[in-house]
Amino acid sequence: MALPYLQTARARIRLAEESDAPKLLRYRLENREHLASWEPLRESAYYTLEHCLKTIVDSRDNALQDRGYSLMAFDPTEQTMLATCTFANIVRGAFQACHLGYGIAARMQGQGLMREVLEAGIAWAFGELHLHRIMANYLPRNERSARLLASLGFEREGYAKRYLQIAGTWEDHILTALICPEG
């Protein structure tokens, strides 16, 4: 299977290459505060070029082994990273499912770009990856994610107590899923 290269009106979406490490580092540094309340605690090493290179190498390895696809959305000239879209924990066999994670640069919020990126990514995951189910979980206080996932057709399936450790605290999550319309 060919690695993804998706194009939308405002973004190019693909796996990062090692040469993208400075762009990833800039994205992490510029959005450190913005993303902190939605992510696990990060060690200071996370905000280094070396860690960004390791992240890229590991993500490409995961994709080649069909374990996960960490896609990055760049501006049309591919100079600036705008968002991330990750299809993680892929399970094949009778399940054909994954978990979806995503994030967007603070300066791009509220412009519909995350929806644009996710629509392209989800279509690719259901098409090229032949997934049947994409699961996405969000913090109950994250109203933006709740609205975004609902607008994409994700349905609430449950509520998980102390599901993930976010910003150093075990947080409840709302569990949602989207089923492939053709399967």
N, C-alpha and C. Protein backbone atom coordinates (compact mmCIF):
# COMPACT_ATOMS: atom_id res chain seq x y z
N MET A 1 0.83 -1.18 0.00
CA MET A 1 0.00 0.00 0.00
C MET A 1 0.88 1.25 0.00
N ALA A 2 0.51 2.21 -0.80
CA ALA A 2 1.25 3.47 -0.86
C ALA A 2 0.96 4.29 0.38
N LEU A 3 1.97 5.01 0.85
CA LEU A 3 1.76 5.89 2.00
C LEU A 3 0.88 7.05 1.57
N PRO A 4 0.10 7.58 2.49
CA PRO A 4 -0.89 8.60 2.13
C PRO A 4 -0.26 9.93 1.73
N TYR A 5 -0.86 10.54 0.75
CA TYR A 5 -0.57 11.92 0.37
C TYR A 5 -1.91 12.49 -0.06
N LEU A 6 -2.52 13.25 0.85
CA LEU A 6 -3.87 13.76 0.64
C LEU A 6 -3.82 15.26 0.43
N GLN A 7 -4.70 15.74 -0.41
CA GLN A 7 -4.76 17.17 -0.72
C GLN A 7 -6.18 17.66 -0.45
N THR A 8 -6.30 18.77 0.28
CA THR A 8 -7.59 19.43 0.44
C THR A 8 -7.44 20.84 -0.10
N ALA A 9 -8.47 21.63 0.02
CA ALA A 9 -8.41 23.01 -0.47
C ALA A 9 -7.32 23.82 0.24
N ARG A 10 -7.08 23.52 1.52
CA ARG A 10 -6.14 24.34 2.29
C ARG A 10 -4.96 23.58 2.88
N ALA A 11 -4.86 22.27 2.61
CA ALA A 11 -3.80 21.51 3.27
C ALA A 11 -3.30 20.35 2.43
N ARG A 12 -2.05 20.01 2.68
CA ARG A 12 -1.45 18.77 2.18
C ARG A 12 -1.22 17.89 3.40
N ILE A 13 -1.70 16.67 3.33
CA ILE A 13 -1.71 15.78 4.49
C ILE A 13 -0.90 14.54 4.14
N ARG A 14 0.09 14.24 4.99
CA ARG A 14 0.96 13.10 4.71
C ARG A 14 1.73 12.72 5.97
N LEU A 15 2.44 11.59 5.87
CA LEU A 15 3.39 11.25 6.92
C LEU A 15 4.54 12.23 6.84
N ALA A 16 5.10 12.56 7.97
CA ALA A 16 6.25 13.46 7.98
C ALA A 16 7.49 12.71 7.51
N GLU A 17 8.39 13.45 6.94
CA GLU A 17 9.71 12.94 6.55
C GLU A 17 10.72 13.57 7.51
N GLU A 18 11.91 12.98 7.57
CA GLU A 18 12.92 13.49 8.49
C GLU A 18 13.21 14.97 8.26
N SER A 19 13.12 15.41 7.03
CA SER A 19 13.36 16.82 6.73
C SER A 19 12.28 17.74 7.31
N ASP A 20 11.18 17.17 7.77
CA ASP A 20 10.09 17.95 8.37
C ASP A 20 10.30 18.18 9.87
N ALA A 21 11.35 17.63 10.44
CA ALA A 21 11.56 17.74 11.89
C ALA A 21 11.56 19.19 12.38
N PRO A 22 12.21 20.12 11.69
CA PRO A 22 12.15 21.52 12.17
C PRO A 22 10.71 22.08 12.16
N LYS A 23 9.91 21.67 11.20
CA LYS A 23 8.51 22.13 11.14
C LYS A 23 7.72 21.55 12.31
N LEU A 24 7.96 20.28 12.62
CA LEU A 24 7.29 19.65 13.75
C LEU A 24 7.71 20.34 15.05
N LEU A 25 8.99 20.62 15.19
CA LEU A 25 9.46 21.29 16.39
C LEU A 25 8.81 22.67 16.53
N ARG A 26 8.76 23.42 15.46
CA ARG A 26 8.12 24.75 15.49
C ARG A 26 6.65 24.62 15.90
N TYR A 27 5.93 23.62 15.34
CA TYR A 27 4.53 23.39 15.70
C TYR A 27 4.40 23.10 17.20
N ARG A 28 5.26 22.21 17.70
CA ARG A 28 5.20 21.86 19.12
C ARG A 28 5.48 23.07 20.00
N LEU A 29 6.50 23.84 19.67
CA LEU A 29 6.85 25.00 20.49
C LEU A 29 5.78 26.08 20.44
N GLU A 30 5.27 26.37 19.24
CA GLU A 30 4.26 27.42 19.10
C GLU A 30 2.94 27.05 19.75
N ASN A 31 2.66 25.76 19.87
CA ASN A 31 1.36 25.31 20.39
C ASN A 31 1.46 24.61 21.74
N ARG A 32 2.59 24.73 22.37
CA ARG A 32 2.84 24.06 23.65
C ARG A 32 1.74 24.38 24.67
N GLU A 33 1.49 25.63 24.89
CA GLU A 33 0.47 26.04 25.88
C GLU A 33 -0.94 25.68 25.40
N HIS A 34 -1.20 25.91 24.13
CA HIS A 34 -2.52 25.63 23.55
C HIS A 34 -2.92 24.17 23.69
N LEU A 35 -1.99 23.25 23.48
CA LEU A 35 -2.30 21.81 23.50
C LEU A 35 -2.13 21.17 24.88
N ALA A 36 -1.49 21.87 25.81
CA ALA A 36 -1.14 21.28 27.11
C ALA A 36 -2.33 20.70 27.87
N SER A 37 -3.48 21.33 27.82
CA SER A 37 -4.63 20.83 28.60
C SER A 37 -5.35 19.66 27.94
N TRP A 38 -4.90 19.26 26.74
CA TRP A 38 -5.54 18.16 26.02
C TRP A 38 -4.62 16.96 25.84
N GLU A 39 -3.38 17.07 26.29
CA GLU A 39 -2.38 16.03 26.05
C GLU A 39 -1.76 15.54 27.35
N PRO A 40 -1.03 14.43 27.29
CA PRO A 40 -0.27 13.99 28.47
C PRO A 40 0.80 15.03 28.81
N LEU A 41 1.30 14.96 30.04
CA LEU A 41 2.43 15.82 30.40
C LEU A 41 3.60 15.49 29.48
N ARG A 42 4.34 16.48 29.09
CA ARG A 42 5.47 16.29 28.18
C ARG A 42 6.77 16.62 28.90
N GLU A 43 7.76 15.74 28.72
CA GLU A 43 9.11 16.01 29.22
C GLU A 43 9.72 17.12 28.37
N SER A 44 10.71 17.81 28.89
CA SER A 44 11.35 18.89 28.13
C SER A 44 11.98 18.37 26.84
N ALA A 45 12.42 17.11 26.83
CA ALA A 45 13.01 16.52 25.62
C ALA A 45 12.03 16.48 24.45
N TYR A 46 10.73 16.44 24.74
CA TYR A 46 9.71 16.42 23.70
C TYR A 46 9.84 17.65 22.79
N TYR A 47 10.34 18.73 23.32
CA TYR A 47 10.44 19.99 22.59
C TYR A 47 11.85 20.20 22.05
N THR A 48 12.46 19.11 21.56
CA THR A 48 13.78 19.20 20.95
C THR A 48 13.73 18.64 19.53
N LEU A 49 14.68 19.06 18.73
CA LEU A 49 14.77 18.56 17.36
C LEU A 49 15.02 17.06 17.35
N GLU A 50 15.82 16.57 18.28
CA GLU A 50 16.12 15.13 18.34
C GLU A 50 14.85 14.32 18.58
N HIS A 51 14.01 14.80 19.48
CA HIS A 51 12.76 14.07 19.76
C HIS A 51 11.84 14.11 18.55
N CYS A 52 11.80 15.24 17.88
CA CYS A 52 10.97 15.35 16.67
C CYS A 52 11.43 14.36 15.61
N LEU A 53 12.74 14.24 15.43
CA LEU A 53 13.29 13.26 14.47
C LEU A 53 12.88 11.84 14.86
N LYS A 54 13.00 11.52 16.14
CA LYS A 54 12.62 10.18 16.62
C LYS A 54 11.14 9.93 16.40
N THR A 55 10.32 10.94 16.66
CA THR A 55 8.87 10.82 16.44
C THR A 55 8.58 10.49 14.98
N ILE A 56 9.25 11.17 14.08
CA ILE A 56 9.03 10.96 12.65
C ILE A 56 9.48 9.56 12.23
N VAL A 57 10.66 9.15 12.66
CA VAL A 57 11.16 7.81 12.33
C VAL A 57 10.22 6.74 12.87
N ASP A 58 9.79 6.90 14.12
CA ASP A 58 8.88 5.93 14.73
C ASP A 58 7.53 5.90 14.02
N SER A 59 7.03 7.06 13.63
CA SER A 59 5.73 7.10 12.96
C SER A 59 5.79 6.45 11.58
N ARG A 60 6.89 6.62 10.88
CA ARG A 60 7.04 5.97 9.57
C ARG A 60 7.15 4.46 9.74
N ASP A 61 7.85 4.02 10.78
CA ASP A 61 7.96 2.59 11.08
C ASP A 61 6.58 2.01 11.40
N ASN A 62 5.80 2.72 12.21
CA ASN A 62 4.43 2.26 12.53
C ASN A 62 3.59 2.13 11.27
N ALA A 63 3.71 3.09 10.36
CA ALA A 63 2.93 3.04 9.12
C ALA A 63 3.36 1.86 8.26
N LEU A 64 4.66 1.65 8.14
CA LEU A 64 5.14 0.53 7.32
C LEU A 64 4.70 -0.82 7.89
N GLN A 65 4.48 -0.87 9.20
CA GLN A 65 4.01 -2.10 9.83
C GLN A 65 2.49 -2.13 10.01
N ASP A 66 1.80 -1.13 9.48
CA ASP A 66 0.34 -1.03 9.53
C ASP A 66 -0.18 -1.01 10.98
N ARG A 67 0.58 -0.38 11.87
CA ARG A 67 0.14 -0.26 13.27
C ARG A 67 -0.52 1.09 13.53
N GLY A 68 -0.18 2.09 12.73
CA GLY A 68 -0.74 3.41 12.92
C GLY A 68 -0.20 4.36 11.88
N TYR A 69 -0.93 5.45 11.67
CA TYR A 69 -0.57 6.44 10.66
C TYR A 69 -0.70 7.82 11.29
N SER A 70 0.44 8.43 11.58
CA SER A 70 0.48 9.78 12.16
C SER A 70 0.63 10.78 11.02
N LEU A 71 -0.49 11.32 10.59
CA LEU A 71 -0.49 12.24 9.46
C LEU A 71 -0.33 13.67 9.95
N MET A 72 0.36 14.45 9.16
CA MET A 72 0.54 15.85 9.47
C MET A 72 -0.03 16.68 8.33
N ALA A 73 -0.73 17.72 8.70
CA ALA A 73 -1.32 18.61 7.71
C ALA A 73 -0.45 19.86 7.61
N PHE A 74 -0.03 20.14 6.39
CA PHE A 74 0.81 21.29 6.11
C PHE A 74 0.03 22.28 5.26
N ASP A 75 0.50 23.53 5.22
CA ASP A 75 -0.08 24.49 4.29
C ASP A 75 0.21 24.00 2.87
N PRO A 76 -0.45 24.57 1.85
CA PRO A 76 -0.27 24.06 0.48
C PRO A 76 1.17 24.06 -0.03
N THR A 77 2.02 24.92 0.51
CA THR A 77 3.42 24.94 0.08
C THR A 77 4.29 24.02 0.94
N GLU A 78 3.70 23.41 1.94
CA GLU A 78 4.35 22.48 2.87
C GLU A 78 5.47 23.14 3.67
N GLN A 79 5.33 24.43 3.93
CA GLN A 79 6.32 25.15 4.73
C GLN A 79 5.97 25.16 6.21
N THR A 80 4.67 25.07 6.52
CA THR A 80 4.20 25.19 7.90
C THR A 80 3.26 24.06 8.25
N MET A 81 3.48 23.47 9.41
CA MET A 81 2.58 22.43 9.91
C MET A 81 1.37 23.09 10.56
N LEU A 82 0.18 22.63 10.20
CA LEU A 82 -1.05 23.25 10.68
C LEU A 82 -1.82 22.38 11.67
N ALA A 83 -1.73 21.05 11.51
CA ALA A 83 -2.56 20.15 12.32
C ALA A 83 -1.99 18.73 12.25
N THR A 84 -2.50 17.89 13.13
CA THR A 84 -2.15 16.46 13.12
C THR A 84 -3.43 15.64 13.10
N CYS A 85 -3.31 14.46 12.55
CA CYS A 85 -4.44 13.53 12.45
C CYS A 85 -3.84 12.12 12.52
N THR A 86 -4.08 11.40 13.59
CA THR A 86 -3.44 10.11 13.79
C THR A 86 -4.45 8.98 13.88
N PHE A 87 -4.23 7.97 13.07
CA PHE A 87 -5.02 6.73 13.14
C PHE A 87 -4.12 5.72 13.84
N ALA A 88 -4.37 5.51 15.13
CA ALA A 88 -3.46 4.73 15.98
C ALA A 88 -4.09 3.41 16.42
N ASN A 89 -3.25 2.55 16.94
CA ASN A 89 -3.70 1.28 17.53
C ASN A 89 -4.55 0.48 16.56
N ILE A 90 -4.10 0.35 15.34
CA ILE A 90 -4.87 -0.39 14.33
C ILE A 90 -4.93 -1.86 14.70
N VAL A 91 -6.13 -2.40 14.67
CA VAL A 91 -6.35 -3.82 14.93
C VAL A 91 -7.01 -4.39 13.68
N ARG A 92 -6.42 -5.42 13.16
CA ARG A 92 -6.95 -6.07 11.95
C ARG A 92 -7.81 -7.27 12.35
N GLY A 93 -7.95 -8.23 11.46
CA GLY A 93 -8.77 -9.40 11.75
C GLY A 93 -10.24 -9.04 11.74
N ALA A 94 -10.97 -9.57 12.69
CA ALA A 94 -12.42 -9.36 12.74
C ALA A 94 -12.80 -7.94 13.16
N PHE A 95 -11.85 -7.17 13.71
CA PHE A 95 -12.17 -5.84 14.25
C PHE A 95 -12.02 -4.74 13.19
N GLN A 96 -10.90 -4.66 12.49
CA GLN A 96 -10.65 -3.64 11.47
C GLN A 96 -10.95 -2.23 11.99
N ALA A 97 -10.26 -1.86 13.07
CA ALA A 97 -10.57 -0.60 13.74
C ALA A 97 -9.31 0.13 14.19
N CYS A 98 -9.49 1.37 14.59
CA CYS A 98 -8.39 2.17 15.12
C CYS A 98 -8.94 3.26 16.02
N HIS A 99 -8.02 3.96 16.68
CA HIS A 99 -8.35 5.15 17.45
C HIS A 99 -7.88 6.37 16.65
N LEU A 100 -8.67 7.42 16.70
CA LEU A 100 -8.34 8.67 16.03
C LEU A 100 -7.93 9.71 17.06
N GLY A 101 -6.81 10.36 16.79
CA GLY A 101 -6.39 11.51 17.59
C GLY A 101 -6.09 12.65 16.67
N TYR A 102 -6.24 13.88 17.14
CA TYR A 102 -6.00 15.02 16.28
C TYR A 102 -5.71 16.26 17.11
N GLY A 103 -5.10 17.22 16.46
CA GLY A 103 -4.82 18.50 17.09
C GLY A 103 -4.60 19.54 16.02
N ILE A 104 -4.82 20.78 16.38
CA ILE A 104 -4.68 21.86 15.41
C ILE A 104 -3.94 23.04 16.05
N ALA A 105 -3.19 23.74 15.24
CA ALA A 105 -2.48 24.93 15.71
C ALA A 105 -3.49 25.94 16.25
N ALA A 106 -3.11 26.61 17.32
CA ALA A 106 -3.99 27.59 17.96
C ALA A 106 -4.48 28.63 16.95
N ARG A 107 -3.60 29.09 16.09
CA ARG A 107 -3.95 30.16 15.14
C ARG A 107 -4.92 29.70 14.05
N MET A 108 -5.12 28.37 13.93
CA MET A 108 -6.00 27.84 12.89
C MET A 108 -7.37 27.43 13.44
N GLN A 109 -7.56 27.50 14.75
CA GLN A 109 -8.83 27.10 15.35
C GLN A 109 -10.01 27.91 14.81
N GLY A 110 -11.16 27.26 14.74
CA GLY A 110 -12.39 27.95 14.40
C GLY A 110 -12.55 28.31 12.94
N GLN A 111 -11.70 27.74 12.07
CA GLN A 111 -11.77 28.07 10.64
C GLN A 111 -12.23 26.88 9.79
N GLY A 112 -12.59 25.78 10.43
CA GLY A 112 -13.05 24.61 9.69
C GLY A 112 -11.95 23.73 9.13
N LEU A 113 -10.70 24.07 9.40
CA LEU A 113 -9.59 23.30 8.84
C LEU A 113 -9.50 21.90 9.44
N MET A 114 -9.74 21.77 10.74
CA MET A 114 -9.63 20.44 11.35
C MET A 114 -10.67 19.51 10.74
N ARG A 115 -11.86 20.00 10.51
CA ARG A 115 -12.89 19.19 9.85
C ARG A 115 -12.44 18.78 8.45
N GLU A 116 -11.88 19.71 7.72
CA GLU A 116 -11.39 19.45 6.36
C GLU A 116 -10.32 18.34 6.37
N VAL A 117 -9.39 18.45 7.30
CA VAL A 117 -8.32 17.45 7.42
C VAL A 117 -8.89 16.09 7.82
N LEU A 118 -9.78 16.09 8.80
CA LEU A 118 -10.36 14.82 9.26
C LEU A 118 -11.22 14.17 8.18
N GLU A 119 -11.98 14.94 7.44
CA GLU A 119 -12.79 14.36 6.36
C GLU A 119 -11.90 13.62 5.36
N ALA A 120 -10.80 14.25 4.98
CA ALA A 120 -9.88 13.61 4.03
C ALA A 120 -9.24 12.38 4.64
N GLY A 121 -8.80 12.49 5.88
CA GLY A 121 -8.16 11.36 6.56
C GLY A 121 -9.11 10.19 6.77
N ILE A 122 -10.31 10.47 7.18
CA ILE A 122 -11.30 9.40 7.41
C ILE A 122 -11.65 8.70 6.10
N ALA A 123 -11.85 9.46 5.04
CA ALA A 123 -12.14 8.85 3.73
C ALA A 123 -10.98 7.94 3.33
N TRP A 124 -9.75 8.38 3.55
CA TRP A 124 -8.58 7.56 3.24
C TRP A 124 -8.56 6.30 4.11
N ALA A 125 -8.82 6.44 5.40
CA ALA A 125 -8.77 5.29 6.31
C ALA A 125 -9.83 4.25 5.96
N PHE A 126 -11.02 4.69 5.63
CA PHE A 126 -12.06 3.75 5.24
C PHE A 126 -11.78 3.16 3.86
N GLY A 127 -11.20 3.95 2.97
CA GLY A 127 -10.91 3.49 1.62
C GLY A 127 -9.64 2.67 1.54
N GLU A 128 -8.49 3.31 1.63
CA GLU A 128 -7.20 2.64 1.47
C GLU A 128 -6.89 1.62 2.56
N LEU A 129 -7.22 1.96 3.80
CA LEU A 129 -6.90 1.05 4.91
C LEU A 129 -7.97 -0.01 5.12
N HIS A 130 -9.13 0.17 4.51
CA HIS A 130 -10.25 -0.77 4.65
C HIS A 130 -10.66 -0.96 6.10
N LEU A 131 -10.62 0.13 6.86
CA LEU A 131 -11.08 0.05 8.25
C LEU A 131 -12.60 0.03 8.28
N HIS A 132 -13.13 -0.58 9.33
CA HIS A 132 -14.58 -0.65 9.51
C HIS A 132 -15.05 0.34 10.58
N ARG A 133 -14.19 0.60 11.57
CA ARG A 133 -14.57 1.42 12.72
C ARG A 133 -13.41 2.35 13.08
N ILE A 134 -13.76 3.62 13.29
CA ILE A 134 -12.79 4.59 13.80
C ILE A 134 -13.36 5.12 15.11
N MET A 135 -12.58 4.97 16.17
CA MET A 135 -13.02 5.40 17.50
C MET A 135 -12.29 6.68 17.88
N ALA A 136 -13.02 7.63 18.43
CA ALA A 136 -12.44 8.89 18.88
C ALA A 136 -13.03 9.23 20.24
N ASN A 137 -12.17 9.54 21.18
CA ASN A 137 -12.60 9.81 22.55
C ASN A 137 -12.18 11.22 22.92
N TYR A 138 -13.02 11.90 23.69
CA TYR A 138 -12.71 13.28 24.05
C TYR A 138 -13.10 13.58 25.49
N LEU A 139 -12.45 14.59 26.04
CA LEU A 139 -12.76 15.05 27.39
C LEU A 139 -14.14 15.68 27.41
N PRO A 140 -14.95 15.41 28.43
CA PRO A 140 -16.30 15.99 28.48
C PRO A 140 -16.31 17.51 28.37
N ARG A 141 -15.28 18.19 28.83
CA ARG A 141 -15.24 19.66 28.77
C ARG A 141 -14.82 20.18 27.38
N ASN A 142 -14.40 19.29 26.50
CA ASN A 142 -13.93 19.72 25.18
C ASN A 142 -15.11 19.82 24.20
N GLU A 143 -15.81 20.92 24.31
CA GLU A 143 -17.02 21.12 23.50
C GLU A 143 -16.70 21.22 22.01
N ARG A 144 -15.54 21.76 21.67
CA ARG A 144 -15.16 21.85 20.24
C ARG A 144 -15.05 20.46 19.63
N SER A 145 -14.37 19.54 20.35
CA SER A 145 -14.25 18.17 19.83
C SER A 145 -15.60 17.49 19.77
N ALA A 146 -16.44 17.72 20.76
CA ALA A 146 -17.77 17.11 20.75
C ALA A 146 -18.54 17.53 19.50
N ARG A 147 -18.53 18.82 19.21
CA ARG A 147 -19.24 19.32 18.01
C ARG A 147 -18.61 18.81 16.72
N LEU A 148 -17.28 18.83 16.67
CA LEU A 148 -16.59 18.38 15.46
C LEU A 148 -16.89 16.92 15.17
N LEU A 149 -16.73 16.07 16.16
CA LEU A 149 -16.97 14.63 15.95
C LEU A 149 -18.43 14.37 15.58
N ALA A 150 -19.37 15.03 16.24
CA ALA A 150 -20.79 14.85 15.91
C ALA A 150 -21.05 15.28 14.46
N SER A 151 -20.43 16.37 14.03
CA SER A 151 -20.65 16.86 12.66
C SER A 151 -20.07 15.89 11.62
N LEU A 152 -19.09 15.10 12.04
CA LEU A 152 -18.50 14.10 11.13
C LEU A 152 -19.25 12.77 11.16
N GLY A 153 -20.26 12.66 12.02
CA GLY A 153 -21.06 11.44 12.09
C GLY A 153 -20.67 10.48 13.20
N PHE A 154 -19.72 10.84 14.05
CA PHE A 154 -19.36 9.97 15.17
C PHE A 154 -20.52 9.92 16.15
N GLU A 155 -20.77 8.72 16.65
CA GLU A 155 -21.86 8.53 17.61
C GLU A 155 -21.30 8.16 18.98
N ARG A 156 -21.94 8.70 20.00
CA ARG A 156 -21.52 8.41 21.38
C ARG A 156 -21.82 6.95 21.70
N GLU A 157 -20.82 6.28 22.26
CA GLU A 157 -20.98 4.87 22.62
C GLU A 157 -20.78 4.61 24.10
N GLY A 158 -20.23 5.57 24.81
CA GLY A 158 -20.03 5.32 26.23
C GLY A 158 -19.30 6.44 26.92
N TYR A 159 -19.04 6.19 28.19
CA TYR A 159 -18.36 7.13 29.06
C TYR A 159 -17.35 6.34 29.88
N ALA A 160 -16.09 6.69 29.77
CA ALA A 160 -15.04 5.95 30.47
C ALA A 160 -14.47 6.79 31.61
N LYS A 161 -14.59 6.28 32.81
CA LYS A 161 -14.06 6.96 33.99
C LYS A 161 -12.55 6.86 34.02
N ARG A 162 -11.88 7.97 34.34
CA ARG A 162 -10.42 8.02 34.50
C ARG A 162 -9.72 7.25 33.38
N TYR A 163 -10.05 7.57 32.16
CA TYR A 163 -9.64 6.83 30.98
C TYR A 163 -8.20 7.08 30.55
N LEU A 164 -7.79 8.34 30.51
CA LEU A 164 -6.42 8.69 30.11
C LEU A 164 -5.86 9.74 31.06
N GLN A 165 -4.55 9.72 31.20
CA GLN A 165 -3.89 10.74 32.01
C GLN A 165 -3.56 11.93 31.12
N ILE A 166 -4.26 13.02 31.36
CA ILE A 166 -4.12 14.23 30.56
C ILE A 166 -3.61 15.34 31.47
N ALA A 167 -2.54 16.00 31.06
CA ALA A 167 -1.95 17.09 31.85
C ALA A 167 -1.72 16.68 33.30
N GLY A 168 -1.37 15.39 33.50
CA GLY A 168 -1.04 14.89 34.82
C GLY A 168 -2.20 14.39 35.66
N THR A 169 -3.41 14.42 35.13
CA THR A 169 -4.60 13.99 35.87
C THR A 169 -5.35 12.93 35.08
N TRP A 170 -5.79 11.88 35.79
CA TRP A 170 -6.62 10.86 35.13
C TRP A 170 -7.97 11.48 34.83
N GLU A 171 -8.33 11.52 33.56
CA GLU A 171 -9.54 12.21 33.10
C GLU A 171 -10.56 11.25 32.50
N ASP A 172 -11.84 11.53 32.78
CA ASP A 172 -12.94 10.82 32.13
C ASP A 172 -12.96 11.21 30.65
N HIS A 173 -13.49 10.30 29.83
CA HIS A 173 -13.61 10.58 28.40
C HIS A 173 -14.96 10.08 27.88
N ILE A 174 -15.48 10.77 26.91
CA ILE A 174 -16.65 10.31 26.17
C ILE A 174 -16.14 9.52 24.98
N LEU A 175 -16.70 8.32 24.80
CA LEU A 175 -16.26 7.40 23.76
C LEU A 175 -17.21 7.51 22.57
N THR A 176 -16.66 7.71 21.39
CA THR A 176 -17.47 7.77 20.18
C THR A 176 -16.86 6.90 19.10
N ALA A 177 -17.64 6.59 18.09
CA ALA A 177 -17.14 5.82 16.97
C ALA A 177 -17.88 6.18 15.69
N LEU A 178 -17.20 5.97 14.60
CA LEU A 178 -17.77 6.15 13.26
C LEU A 178 -17.57 4.85 12.53
N ILE A 179 -18.64 4.32 11.95
CA ILE A 179 -18.60 3.06 11.21
C ILE A 179 -18.56 3.38 9.72
N CYS A 180 -17.76 2.61 9.00
CA CYS A 180 -17.65 2.81 7.56
C CYS A 180 -19.04 2.68 6.91
N PRO A 181 -19.46 3.68 6.16
CA PRO A 181 -20.79 3.62 5.56
C PRO A 181 -20.96 2.50 4.53
N GLU A 182 -19.85 2.04 3.93
CA GLU A 182 -19.95 0.98 2.92
C GLU A 182 -19.80 -0.41 3.52
N GLY A 183 -19.60 -0.53 4.81
CA GLY A 183 -19.33 -1.86 5.35
C GLY A 183 -20.10 -2.10 6.54
